[in-house]
Amino acid sequence: MKAGDIVLIRFPHTDLQKGKLRPALIITQTPGRHADLLLALITSKIYQTVPEFDEMLTEKDKDFKKTRLKTKSVIRLARLATVESTIINARLGSISATRLTRIKSRLATWIEK
């Protein structure tokens, strides 16, 4: 698994209670000796989108088919988690390199503010 892959994981809730199985985007592997991954939650609840921050995935996008998502979805960039790679349930698909670069840039800008 690598940055840009969409995986299935039991994504934790912000209160650290066990979450439900859902898709997430691998943004990057953390530095150091551990094989931890920085993930962003993916949801089909479009109403949760933060305009001009979150990344929308629609059936019209060139890379949508490669994601293997079933419906229009949003990558929630403020819903991040760092997890061990061993808890990934499955790899679904991936996004384009261009989209991943845009997401990383958006995150960096947000963190620098």
PDB file of N, CA and C in Angstrom:
ATOM      1  N   MET A   1       0.833  -1.182   0.000  1.00  0.00           N
ATOM      2  CA  MET A   1       0.000   0.000   0.000  1.00  0.00           C
ATOM      3  C   MET A   1       0.876   1.243   0.000  1.00  0.00           C
ATOM      4  N   LYS A   2       0.352   2.274  -0.646  1.00  0.00           N
ATOM      5  CA  LYS A   2       1.148   3.491  -0.791  1.00  0.00           C
ATOM      6  C   LYS A   2       0.230   4.715  -0.789  1.00  0.00           C
ATOM      7  N   ALA A   3       0.848   5.889  -0.729  1.00  0.00           N
ATOM      8  CA  ALA A   3       0.099   7.137  -0.773  1.00  0.00           C
ATOM      9  C   ALA A   3      -0.755   7.163  -2.036  1.00  0.00           C
ATOM     10  N   GLY A   4      -2.011   7.591  -1.884  1.00  0.00           N
ATOM     11  CA  GLY A   4      -2.935   7.642  -3.009  1.00  0.00           C
ATOM     12  C   GLY A   4      -3.861   6.442  -3.076  1.00  0.00           C
ATOM     13  N   ASP A   5      -3.559   5.395  -2.303  1.00  0.00           N
ATOM     14  CA  ASP A   5      -4.429   4.222  -2.277  1.00  0.00           C
ATOM     15  C   ASP A   5      -5.650   4.491  -1.399  1.00  0.00           C
ATOM     16  N   ILE A   6      -6.763   3.910  -1.795  1.00  0.00           N
ATOM     17  CA  ILE A   6      -7.975   3.941  -0.990  1.00  0.00           C
ATOM     18  C   ILE A   6      -8.123   2.567  -0.366  1.00  0.00           C
ATOM     19  N   VAL A   7      -8.267   2.559   0.957  1.00  0.00           N
ATOM     20  CA  VAL A   7      -8.315   1.310   1.711  1.00  0.00           C
ATOM     21  C   VAL A   7      -9.588   1.247   2.555  1.00  0.00           C
ATOM     22  N   LEU A   8      -9.896   0.058   3.023  1.00  0.00           N
ATOM     23  CA  LEU A   8     -10.992  -0.125   3.975  1.00  0.00           C
ATOM     24  C   LEU A   8     -10.391  -0.294   5.359  1.00  0.00           C
ATOM     25  N   ILE A   9     -10.933   0.438   6.319  1.00  0.00           N
ATOM     26  CA  ILE A   9     -10.423   0.397   7.687  1.00  0.00           C
ATOM     27  C   ILE A   9     -11.556   0.698   8.656  1.00  0.00           C
ATOM     28  N   ARG A  10     -11.457   0.180   9.839  1.00  0.00           N
ATOM     29  CA  ARG A  10     -12.391   0.543  10.897  1.00  0.00           C
ATOM     30  C   ARG A  10     -11.903   1.888  11.421  1.00  0.00           C
ATOM     31  N   PHE A  11     -12.370   2.962  10.770  1.00  0.00           N
ATOM     32  CA  PHE A  11     -11.873   4.312  11.039  1.00  0.00           C
ATOM     33  C   PHE A  11     -12.339   4.762  12.420  1.00  0.00           C
ATOM     34  N   PRO A  12     -11.404   5.192  13.283  1.00  0.00           N
ATOM     35  CA  PRO A  12     -11.790   5.566  14.653  1.00  0.00           C
ATOM     36  C   PRO A  12     -12.598   6.865  14.684  1.00  0.00           C
ATOM     37  N   HIS A  13     -13.539   6.924  15.628  1.00  0.00           N
ATOM     38  CA  HIS A  13     -14.277   8.168  15.873  1.00  0.00           C
ATOM     39  C   HIS A  13     -13.356   9.140  16.600  1.00  0.00           C
ATOM     40  N   THR A  14     -13.691  10.411  16.599  1.00  0.00           N
ATOM     41  CA  THR A  14     -12.842  11.405  17.263  1.00  0.00           C
ATOM     42  C   THR A  14     -12.808  11.220  18.776  1.00  0.00           C
ATOM     43  N   ASP A  15     -13.788  10.492  19.343  1.00  0.00           N
ATOM     44  CA  ASP A  15     -13.766  10.196  20.781  1.00  0.00           C
ATOM     45  C   ASP A  15     -13.013   8.894  21.074  1.00  0.00           C
ATOM     46  N   LEU A  16     -12.329   8.372  20.066  1.00  0.00           N
ATOM     47  CA  LEU A  16     -11.501   7.170  20.120  1.00  0.00           C
ATOM     48  C   LEU A  16     -12.292   5.882  20.333  1.00  0.00           C
ATOM     49  N   GLN A  17     -13.595   5.949  20.203  1.00  0.00           N
ATOM     50  CA  GLN A  17     -14.407   4.738  20.242  1.00  0.00           C
ATOM     51  C   GLN A  17     -14.241   4.025  18.908  1.00  0.00           C
ATOM     52  N   LYS A  18     -14.455   2.733  18.922  1.00  0.00           N
ATOM     53  CA  LYS A  18     -14.292   1.937  17.710  1.00  0.00           C
ATOM     54  C   LYS A  18     -15.251   2.438  16.627  1.00  0.00           C
ATOM     55  N   GLY A  19     -14.745   2.675  15.458  1.00  0.00           N
ATOM     56  CA  GLY A  19     -15.558   3.152  14.348  1.00  0.00           C
ATOM     57  C   GLY A  19     -16.091   2.010  13.511  1.00  0.00           C
ATOM     58  N   LYS A  20     -16.740   2.384  12.409  1.00  0.00           N
ATOM     59  CA  LYS A  20     -17.247   1.344  11.512  1.00  0.00           C
ATOM     60  C   LYS A  20     -16.356   1.244  10.280  1.00  0.00           C
ATOM     61  N   LEU A  21     -16.465   0.139   9.587  1.00  0.00           N
ATOM     62  CA  LEU A  21     -15.654  -0.104   8.400  1.00  0.00           C
ATOM     63  C   LEU A  21     -16.015   0.906   7.325  1.00  0.00           C
ATOM     64  N   ARG A  22     -15.015   1.621   6.852  1.00  0.00           N
ATOM     65  CA  ARG A  22     -15.254   2.642   5.829  1.00  0.00           C
ATOM     66  C   ARG A  22     -13.997   2.882   5.006  1.00  0.00           C
ATOM     67  N   PRO A  23     -14.159   3.515   3.847  1.00  0.00           N
ATOM     68  CA  PRO A  23     -12.976   3.804   3.027  1.00  0.00           C
ATOM     69  C   PRO A  23     -12.186   4.985   3.588  1.00  0.00           C
ATOM     70  N   ALA A  24     -10.893   4.972   3.315  1.00  0.00           N
ATOM     71  CA  ALA A  24     -10.003   6.059   3.715  1.00  0.00           C
ATOM     72  C   ALA A  24      -8.893   6.168   2.678  1.00  0.00           C
ATOM     73  N   LEU A  25      -8.344   7.356   2.563  1.00  0.00           N
ATOM     74  CA  LEU A  25      -7.241   7.622   1.635  1.00  0.00           C
ATOM     75  C   LEU A  25      -5.930   7.600   2.390  1.00  0.00           C
ATOM     76  N   ILE A  26      -4.948   6.860   1.873  1.00  0.00           N
ATOM     77  CA  ILE A  26      -3.601   6.926   2.431  1.00  0.00           C
ATOM     78  C   ILE A  26      -2.954   8.191   1.886  1.00  0.00           C
ATOM     79  N   ILE A  27      -2.624   9.106   2.794  1.00  0.00           N
ATOM     80  CA  ILE A  27      -1.972  10.350   2.392  1.00  0.00           C
ATOM     81  C   ILE A  27      -0.463  10.157   2.331  1.00  0.00           C
ATOM     82  N   THR A  28       0.096   9.485   3.342  1.00  0.00           N
ATOM     83  CA  THR A  28       1.532   9.237   3.373  1.00  0.00           C
ATOM     84  C   THR A  28       1.863   8.221   4.463  1.00  0.00           C
ATOM     85  N   GLN A  29       3.045   7.679   4.388  1.00  0.00           N
ATOM     86  CA  GLN A  29       3.569   6.846   5.475  1.00  0.00           C
ATOM     87  C   GLN A  29       4.334   7.764   6.408  1.00  0.00           C
ATOM     88  N   THR A  30       4.193   7.546   7.706  1.00  0.00           N
ATOM     89  CA  THR A  30       4.887   8.394   8.663  1.00  0.00           C
ATOM     90  C   THR A  30       6.383   8.093   8.651  1.00  0.00           C
ATOM     91  N   PRO A  31       7.203   9.094   8.965  1.00  0.00           N
ATOM     92  CA  PRO A  31       8.648   8.848   9.024  1.00  0.00           C
ATOM     93  C   PRO A  31       9.004   8.038  10.266  1.00  0.00           C
ATOM     94  N   GLY A  32      10.135   7.369  10.217  1.00  0.00           N
ATOM     95  CA  GLY A  32      10.598   6.594  11.365  1.00  0.00           C
ATOM     96  C   GLY A  32      10.517   5.106  11.119  1.00  0.00           C
ATOM     97  N   ARG A  33      10.722   4.353  12.164  1.00  0.00           N
ATOM     98  CA  ARG A  33      10.825   2.900  12.024  1.00  0.00           C
ATOM     99  C   ARG A  33       9.483   2.185  11.973  1.00  0.00           C
ATOM    100  N   HIS A  34       8.408   2.869  12.319  1.00  0.00           N
ATOM    101  CA  HIS A  34       7.093   2.235  12.303  1.00  0.00           C
ATOM    102  C   HIS A  34       6.445   2.384  10.930  1.00  0.00           C
ATOM    103  N   ALA A  35       5.645   1.417  10.563  1.00  0.00           N
ATOM    104  CA  ALA A  35       4.962   1.451   9.262  1.00  0.00           C
ATOM    105  C   ALA A  35       3.555   2.033   9.424  1.00  0.00           C
ATOM    106  N   ASP A  36       3.476   3.201  10.099  1.00  0.00           N
ATOM    107  CA  ASP A  36       2.187   3.843  10.305  1.00  0.00           C
ATOM    108  C   ASP A  36       1.798   4.655   9.073  1.00  0.00           C
ATOM    109  N   LEU A  37       0.492   4.824   8.910  1.00  0.00           N
ATOM    110  CA  LEU A  37      -0.036   5.539   7.747  1.00  0.00           C
ATOM    111  C   LEU A  37      -0.921   6.694   8.195  1.00  0.00           C
ATOM    112  N   LEU A  38      -0.794   7.824   7.522  1.00  0.00           N
ATOM    113  CA  LEU A  38      -1.689   8.949   7.750  1.00  0.00           C
ATOM    114  C   LEU A  38      -2.851   8.801   6.777  1.00  0.00           C
ATOM    115  N   LEU A  39      -4.064   8.718   7.312  1.00  0.00           N
ATOM    116  CA  LEU A  39      -5.266   8.484   6.508  1.00  0.00           C
ATOM    117  C   LEU A  39      -6.245   9.637   6.632  1.00  0.00           C
ATOM    118  N   ALA A  40      -7.037   9.827   5.580  1.00  0.00           N
ATOM    119  CA  ALA A  40      -8.161  10.767   5.603  1.00  0.00           C
ATOM    120  C   ALA A  40      -9.437   9.970   5.344  1.00  0.00           C
ATOM    121  N   LEU A  41     -10.441  10.229   6.149  1.00  0.00           N
ATOM    122  CA  LEU A  41     -11.733   9.553   6.034  1.00  0.00           C
ATOM    123  C   LEU A  41     -12.400   9.881   4.702  1.00  0.00           C
ATOM    124  N   ILE A  42     -13.072   8.914   4.124  1.00  0.00           N
ATOM    125  CA  ILE A  42     -13.881   9.123   2.921  1.00  0.00           C
ATOM    126  C   ILE A  42     -15.319   8.784   3.275  1.00  0.00           C
ATOM    127  N   THR A  43     -16.247   9.653   2.906  1.00  0.00           N
ATOM    128  CA  THR A  43     -17.659   9.423   3.192  1.00  0.00           C
ATOM    129  C   THR A  43     -18.515   9.764   1.977  1.00  0.00           C
ATOM    130  N   SER A  44     -19.666   9.123   1.904  1.00  0.00           N
ATOM    131  CA  SER A  44     -20.634   9.454   0.846  1.00  0.00           C
ATOM    132  C   SER A  44     -21.636  10.493   1.341  1.00  0.00           C
ATOM    133  N   LYS A  45     -21.482  10.954   2.578  1.00  0.00           N
ATOM    134  CA  LYS A  45     -22.359  11.996   3.142  1.00  0.00           C
ATOM    135  C   LYS A  45     -21.851  13.355   2.664  1.00  0.00           C
ATOM    136  N   ILE A  46     -22.257  13.699   1.457  1.00  0.00           N
ATOM    137  CA  ILE A  46     -21.762  14.899   0.776  1.00  0.00           C
ATOM    138  C   ILE A  46     -22.051  16.176   1.562  1.00  0.00           C
ATOM    139  N   TYR A  47     -23.143  16.197   2.325  1.00  0.00           N
ATOM    140  CA  TYR A  47     -23.501  17.393   3.090  1.00  0.00           C
ATOM    141  C   TYR A  47     -22.430  17.749   4.127  1.00  0.00           C
ATOM    142  N   GLN A  48     -21.528  16.823   4.445  1.00  0.00           N
ATOM    143  CA  GLN A  48     -20.462  17.087   5.409  1.00  0.00           C
ATOM    144  C   GLN A  48     -19.264  17.806   4.790  1.00  0.00           C
ATOM    145  N   THR A  49     -19.295  18.021   3.490  1.00  0.00           N
ATOM    146  CA  THR A  49     -18.179  18.644   2.787  1.00  0.00           C
ATOM    147  C   THR A  49     -17.888  20.046   3.302  1.00  0.00           C
ATOM    148  N   VAL A  50     -16.623  20.330   3.541  1.00  0.00           N
ATOM    149  CA  VAL A  50     -16.181  21.682   3.857  1.00  0.00           C
ATOM    150  C   VAL A  50     -15.744  22.295   2.523  1.00  0.00           C
ATOM    151  N   PRO A  51     -16.521  23.250   1.994  1.00  0.00           N
ATOM    152  CA  PRO A  51     -16.207  23.822   0.681  1.00  0.00           C
ATOM    153  C   PRO A  51     -14.790  24.403   0.626  1.00  0.00           C
ATOM    154  N   GLU A  52     -14.146  24.203  -0.501  1.00  0.00           N
ATOM    155  CA  GLU A  52     -12.802  24.699  -0.788  1.00  0.00           C
ATOM    156  C   GLU A  52     -11.736  24.117   0.146  1.00  0.00           C
ATOM    157  N   PHE A  53     -12.078  23.017   0.835  1.00  0.00           N
ATOM    158  CA  PHE A  53     -11.094  22.332   1.669  1.00  0.00           C
ATOM    159  C   PHE A  53     -11.122  20.832   1.389  1.00  0.00           C
ATOM    160  N   ASP A  54     -12.253  20.195   1.596  1.00  0.00           N
ATOM    161  CA  ASP A  54     -12.376  18.768   1.326  1.00  0.00           C
ATOM    162  C   ASP A  54     -12.298  18.490  -0.172  1.00  0.00           C
ATOM    163  N   GLU A  55     -12.015  17.247  -0.528  1.00  0.00           N
ATOM    164  CA  GLU A  55     -11.866  16.837  -1.933  1.00  0.00           C
ATOM    165  C   GLU A  55     -13.049  15.970  -2.351  1.00  0.00           C
ATOM    166  N   MET A  56     -13.785  16.437  -3.336  1.00  0.00           N
ATOM    167  CA  MET A  56     -14.948  15.717  -3.845  1.00  0.00           C
ATOM    168  C   MET A  56     -14.522  14.719  -4.920  1.00  0.00           C
ATOM    169  N   LEU A  57     -15.124  13.538  -4.876  1.00  0.00           N
ATOM    170  CA  LEU A  57     -14.909  12.505  -5.891  1.00  0.00           C
ATOM    171  C   LEU A  57     -16.259  12.220  -6.536  1.00  0.00           C
ATOM    172  N   THR A  58     -16.378  12.491  -7.840  1.00  0.00           N
ATOM    173  CA  THR A  58     -17.644  12.242  -8.532  1.00  0.00           C
ATOM    174  C   THR A  58     -17.426  11.278  -9.691  1.00  0.00           C
ATOM    175  N   GLU A  59     -18.525  10.705 -10.134  1.00  0.00           N
ATOM    176  CA  GLU A  59     -18.483   9.754 -11.237  1.00  0.00           C
ATOM    177  C   GLU A  59     -17.925  10.381 -12.520  1.00  0.00           C
ATOM    178  N   LYS A  60     -17.956  11.703 -12.628  1.00  0.00           N
ATOM    179  CA  LYS A  60     -17.459  12.412 -13.816  1.00  0.00           C
ATOM    180  C   LYS A  60     -15.932  12.567 -13.821  1.00  0.00           C
ATOM    181  N   ASP A  61     -15.289  12.365 -12.672  1.00  0.00           N
ATOM    182  CA  ASP A  61     -13.839  12.521 -12.575  1.00  0.00           C
ATOM    183  C   ASP A  61     -13.115  11.404 -13.318  1.00  0.00           C
ATOM    184  N   LYS A  62     -12.017  11.752 -13.976  1.00  0.00           N
ATOM    185  CA  LYS A  62     -11.257  10.770 -14.755  1.00  0.00           C
ATOM    186  C   LYS A  62     -10.752   9.607 -13.914  1.00  0.00           C
ATOM    187  N   ASP A  63     -10.423   9.873 -12.648  1.00  0.00           N
ATOM    188  CA  ASP A  63      -9.869   8.810 -11.815  1.00  0.00           C
ATOM    189  C   ASP A  63     -10.916   8.120 -10.933  1.00  0.00           C
ATOM    190  N   PHE A  64     -12.202   8.463 -11.075  1.00  0.00           N
ATOM    191  CA  PHE A  64     -13.226   7.888 -10.198  1.00  0.00           C
ATOM    192  C   PHE A  64     -13.301   6.369 -10.313  1.00  0.00           C
ATOM    193  N   LYS A  65     -13.261   5.849 -11.517  1.00  0.00           N
ATOM    194  CA  LYS A  65     -13.380   4.402 -11.701  1.00  0.00           C
ATOM    195  C   LYS A  65     -12.255   3.658 -10.971  1.00  0.00           C
ATOM    196  N   LYS A  66     -11.048   4.242 -10.971  1.00  0.00           N
ATOM    197  CA  LYS A  66      -9.906   3.622 -10.298  1.00  0.00           C
ATOM    198  C   LYS A  66     -10.060   3.585  -8.779  1.00  0.00           C
ATOM    199  N   THR A  67     -10.917   4.448  -8.230  1.00  0.00           N
ATOM    200  CA  THR A  67     -11.103   4.469  -6.777  1.00  0.00           C
ATOM    201  C   THR A  67     -11.870   3.246  -6.288  1.00  0.00           C
ATOM    202  N   ARG A  68     -12.705   2.705  -7.167  1.00  0.00           N
ATOM    203  CA  ARG A  68     -13.591   1.581  -6.866  1.00  0.00           C
ATOM    204  C   ARG A  68     -14.613   1.918  -5.786  1.00  0.00           C
ATOM    205  N   LEU A  69     -14.875   3.227  -5.610  1.00  0.00           N
ATOM    206  CA  LEU A  69     -15.947   3.648  -4.718  1.00  0.00           C
ATOM    207  C   LEU A  69     -17.267   3.451  -5.447  1.00  0.00           C
ATOM    208  N   LYS A  70     -18.330   3.238  -4.710  1.00  0.00           N
ATOM    209  CA  LYS A  70     -19.619   2.936  -5.320  1.00  0.00           C
ATOM    210  C   LYS A  70     -20.399   4.177  -5.732  1.00  0.00           C
ATOM    211  N   THR A  71     -20.136   5.291  -5.079  1.00  0.00           N
ATOM    212  CA  THR A  71     -20.917   6.495  -5.322  1.00  0.00           C
ATOM    213  C   THR A  71     -20.081   7.742  -5.062  1.00  0.00           C
ATOM    214  N   LYS A  72     -20.632   8.871  -5.459  1.00  0.00           N
ATOM    215  CA  LYS A  72     -20.014  10.167  -5.209  1.00  0.00           C
ATOM    216  C   LYS A  72     -19.629  10.248  -3.730  1.00  0.00           C
ATOM    217  N   SER A  73     -18.401  10.684  -3.465  1.00  0.00           N
ATOM    218  CA  SER A  73     -17.894  10.700  -2.098  1.00  0.00           C
ATOM    219  C   SER A  73     -17.029  11.926  -1.865  1.00  0.00           C
ATOM    220  N   VAL A  74     -16.690  12.153  -0.607  1.00  0.00           N
ATOM    221  CA  VAL A  74     -15.834  13.270  -0.251  1.00  0.00           C
ATOM    222  C   VAL A  74     -14.709  12.776   0.657  1.00  0.00           C
ATOM    223  N   ILE A  75     -13.502  13.246   0.363  1.00  0.00           N
ATOM    224  CA  ILE A  75     -12.351  12.971   1.216  1.00  0.00           C
ATOM    225  C   ILE A  75     -12.324  14.082   2.255  1.00  0.00           C
ATOM    226  N   ARG A  76     -12.565  13.735   3.504  1.00  0.00           N
ATOM    227  CA  ARG A  76     -12.658  14.701   4.609  1.00  0.00           C
ATOM    228  C   ARG A  76     -11.257  15.000   5.129  1.00  0.00           C
ATOM    229  N   LEU A  77     -10.675  16.106   4.706  1.00  0.00           N
ATOM    230  CA  LEU A  77      -9.284  16.405   5.017  1.00  0.00           C
ATOM    231  C   LEU A  77      -9.043  16.804   6.466  1.00  0.00           C
ATOM    232  N   ALA A  78     -10.078  17.164   7.196  1.00  0.00           N
ATOM    233  CA  ALA A  78      -9.906  17.467   8.617  1.00  0.00           C
ATOM    234  C   ALA A  78     -10.160  16.231   9.483  1.00  0.00           C
ATOM    235  N   ARG A  79     -10.558  15.130   8.866  1.00  0.00           N
ATOM    236  CA  ARG A  79     -10.781  13.870   9.590  1.00  0.00           C
ATOM    237  C   ARG A  79      -9.621  12.937   9.287  1.00  0.00           C
ATOM    238  N   LEU A  80      -8.527  13.145   9.995  1.00  0.00           N
ATOM    239  CA  LEU A  80      -7.294  12.401   9.783  1.00  0.00           C
ATOM    240  C   LEU A  80      -7.051  11.434  10.943  1.00  0.00           C
ATOM    241  N   ALA A  81      -6.347  10.350  10.647  1.00  0.00           N
ATOM    242  CA  ALA A  81      -5.930   9.398  11.677  1.00  0.00           C
ATOM    243  C   ALA A  81      -4.608   8.778  11.253  1.00  0.00           C
ATOM    244  N   THR A  82      -3.775   8.499  12.228  1.00  0.00           N
ATOM    245  CA  THR A  82      -2.540   7.765  11.988  1.00  0.00           C
ATOM    246  C   THR A  82      -2.724   6.380  12.580  1.00  0.00           C
ATOM    247  N   VAL A  83      -2.532   5.365  11.747  1.00  0.00           N
ATOM    248  CA  VAL A  83      -2.788   3.985  12.170  1.00  0.00           C
ATOM    249  C   VAL A  83      -1.656   3.065  11.714  1.00  0.00           C
ATOM    250  N   GLU A  84      -1.559   1.920  12.358  1.00  0.00           N
ATOM    251  CA  GLU A  84      -0.622   0.887  11.919  1.00  0.00           C
ATOM    252  C   GLU A  84      -1.128   0.296  10.610  1.00  0.00           C
ATOM    253  N   SER A  85      -0.235   0.035   9.704  1.00  0.00           N
ATOM    254  CA  SER A  85      -0.638  -0.523   8.408  1.00  0.00           C
ATOM    255  C   SER A  85      -1.272  -1.909   8.557  1.00  0.00           C
ATOM    256  N   THR A  86      -0.986  -2.592   9.648  1.00  0.00           N
ATOM    257  CA  THR A  86      -1.502  -3.946   9.844  1.00  0.00           C
ATOM    258  C   THR A  86      -3.013  -3.985  10.082  1.00  0.00           C
ATOM    259  N   ILE A  87      -3.634  -2.847  10.401  1.00  0.00           N
ATOM    260  CA  ILE A  87      -5.079  -2.868  10.662  1.00  0.00           C
ATOM    261  C   ILE A  87      -5.914  -2.539   9.426  1.00  0.00           C
ATOM    262  N   ILE A  88      -5.252  -2.348   8.297  1.00  0.00           N
ATOM    263  CA  ILE A  88      -5.973  -2.127   7.038  1.00  0.00           C
ATOM    264  C   ILE A  88      -6.672  -3.433   6.659  1.00  0.00           C
ATOM    265  N   ASN A  89      -7.976  -3.342   6.354  1.00  0.00           N
ATOM    266  CA  ASN A  89      -8.733  -4.541   5.993  1.00  0.00           C
ATOM    267  C   ASN A  89      -8.543  -4.936   4.536  1.00  0.00           C
ATOM    268  N   ALA A  90      -8.510  -3.953   3.635  1.00  0.00           N
ATOM    269  CA  ALA A  90      -8.384  -4.249   2.204  1.00  0.00           C
ATOM    270  C   ALA A  90      -8.020  -2.982   1.450  1.00  0.00           C
ATOM    271  N   ARG A  91      -7.462  -3.164   0.268  1.00  0.00           N
ATOM    272  CA  ARG A  91      -7.207  -2.056  -0.647  1.00  0.00           C
ATOM    273  C   ARG A  91      -8.328  -2.046  -1.663  1.00  0.00           C
ATOM    274  N   LEU A  92      -8.963  -0.881  -1.846  1.00  0.00           N
ATOM    275  CA  LEU A  92     -10.041  -0.755  -2.834  1.00  0.00           C
ATOM    276  C   LEU A  92      -9.512  -0.326  -4.194  1.00  0.00           C
ATOM    277  N   GLY A  93      -8.830   0.802  -4.206  1.00  0.00           N
ATOM    278  CA  GLY A  93      -8.366   1.378  -5.466  1.00  0.00           C
ATOM    279  C   GLY A  93      -7.401   2.499  -5.180  1.00  0.00           C
ATOM    280  N   SER A  94      -7.426   3.536  -6.034  1.00  0.00           N
ATOM    281  CA  SER A  94      -6.500   4.657  -5.845  1.00  0.00           C
ATOM    282  C   SER A  94      -7.026   5.906  -6.531  1.00  0.00           C
ATOM    283  N   ILE A  95      -6.419   7.032  -6.179  1.00  0.00           N
ATOM    284  CA  ILE A  95      -6.706   8.298  -6.849  1.00  0.00           C
ATOM    285  C   ILE A  95      -5.512   8.637  -7.731  1.00  0.00           C
ATOM    286  N   SER A  96      -5.673   9.636  -8.577  1.00  0.00           N
ATOM    287  CA  SER A  96      -4.584  10.041  -9.466  1.00  0.00           C
ATOM    288  C   SER A  96      -3.484  10.756  -8.684  1.00  0.00           C
ATOM    289  N   ALA A  97      -2.290  10.748  -9.230  1.00  0.00           N
ATOM    290  CA  ALA A  97      -1.156  11.446  -8.629  1.00  0.00           C
ATOM    291  C   ALA A  97      -1.434  12.942  -8.543  1.00  0.00           C
ATOM    292  N   THR A  98      -2.105  13.487  -9.552  1.00  0.00           N
ATOM    293  CA  THR A  98      -2.443  14.914  -9.569  1.00  0.00           C
ATOM    294  C   THR A  98      -3.366  15.259  -8.403  1.00  0.00           C
ATOM    295  N   ARG A  99      -4.375  14.419  -8.174  1.00  0.00           N
ATOM    296  CA  ARG A  99      -5.311  14.664  -7.078  1.00  0.00           C
ATOM    297  C   ARG A  99      -4.582  14.553  -5.730  1.00  0.00           C
ATOM    298  N   LEU A 100      -3.711  13.564  -5.576  1.00  0.00           N
ATOM    299  CA  LEU A 100      -2.970  13.395  -4.337  1.00  0.00           C
ATOM    300  C   LEU A 100      -2.091  14.608  -4.055  1.00  0.00           C
ATOM    301  N   THR A 101      -1.428  15.125  -5.067  1.00  0.00           N
ATOM    302  CA  THR A 101      -0.599  16.322  -4.907  1.00  0.00           C
ATOM    303  C   THR A 101      -1.447  17.506  -4.458  1.00  0.00           C
ATOM    304  N   ARG A 102      -2.617  17.667  -5.053  1.00  0.00           N
ATOM    305  CA  ARG A 102      -3.529  18.767  -4.682  1.00  0.00           C
ATOM    306  C   ARG A 102      -3.967  18.630  -3.219  1.00  0.00           C
ATOM    307  N   ILE A 103      -4.282  17.419  -2.797  1.00  0.00           N
ATOM    308  CA  ILE A 103      -4.705  17.168  -1.416  1.00  0.00           C
ATOM    309  C   ILE A 103      -3.573  17.485  -0.436  1.00  0.00           C
ATOM    310  N   LYS A 104      -2.363  17.016  -0.734  1.00  0.00           N
ATOM    311  CA  LYS A 104      -1.225  17.275   0.146  1.00  0.00           C
ATOM    312  C   LYS A 104      -0.939  18.769   0.251  1.00  0.00           C
ATOM    313  N   SER A 105      -1.051  19.474  -0.859  1.00  0.00           N
ATOM    314  CA  SER A 105      -0.831  20.918  -0.869  1.00  0.00           C
ATOM    315  C   SER A 105      -1.876  21.630  -0.011  1.00  0.00           C
ATOM    316  N   ARG A 106      -3.119  21.218  -0.148  1.00  0.00           N
ATOM    317  CA  ARG A 106      -4.204  21.812   0.631  1.00  0.00           C
ATOM    318  C   ARG A 106      -3.996  21.571   2.129  1.00  0.00           C
ATOM    319  N   LEU A 107      -3.573  20.359   2.482  1.00  0.00           N
ATOM    320  CA  LEU A 107      -3.300  20.051   3.891  1.00  0.00           C
ATOM    321  C   LEU A 107      -2.138  20.871   4.440  1.00  0.00           C
ATOM    322  N   ALA A 108      -1.076  20.997   3.660  1.00  0.00           N
ATOM    323  CA  ALA A 108       0.080  21.766   4.087  1.00  0.00           C
ATOM    324  C   ALA A 108      -0.284  23.225   4.319  1.00  0.00           C
ATOM    325  N   THR A 109      -1.062  23.798   3.423  1.00  0.00           N
ATOM    326  CA  THR A 109      -1.505  25.184   3.566  1.00  0.00           C
ATOM    327  C   THR A 109      -2.331  25.349   4.831  1.00  0.00           C
ATOM    328  N   TRP A 110      -3.231  24.404   5.089  1.00  0.00           N
ATOM    329  CA  TRP A 110      -4.078  24.457   6.290  1.00  0.00           C
ATOM    330  C   TRP A 110      -3.228  24.390   7.560  1.00  0.00           C
ATOM    331  N   ILE A 111      -2.273  23.487   7.594  1.00  0.00           N
ATOM    332  CA  ILE A 111      -1.435  23.319   8.779  1.00  0.00           C
ATOM    333  C   ILE A 111      -0.543  24.532   9.014  1.00  0.00           C
ATOM    334  N   GLU A 112      -0.088  25.163   7.938  1.00  0.00           N
ATOM    335  CA  GLU A 112       0.800  26.333   8.061  1.00  0.00           C
ATOM    336  C   GLU A 112       0.075  27.567   8.566  1.00  0.00           C
ATOM    337  N   LYS A 113      -1.251  27.605   8.470  1.00  0.00           N
ATOM    338  CA  LYS A 113      -1.997  28.803   8.918  1.00  0.00           C
ATOM    339  C   LYS A 113      -1.949  28.974  10.401  1.00  0.00           C
TER     340      LYS A 113
END
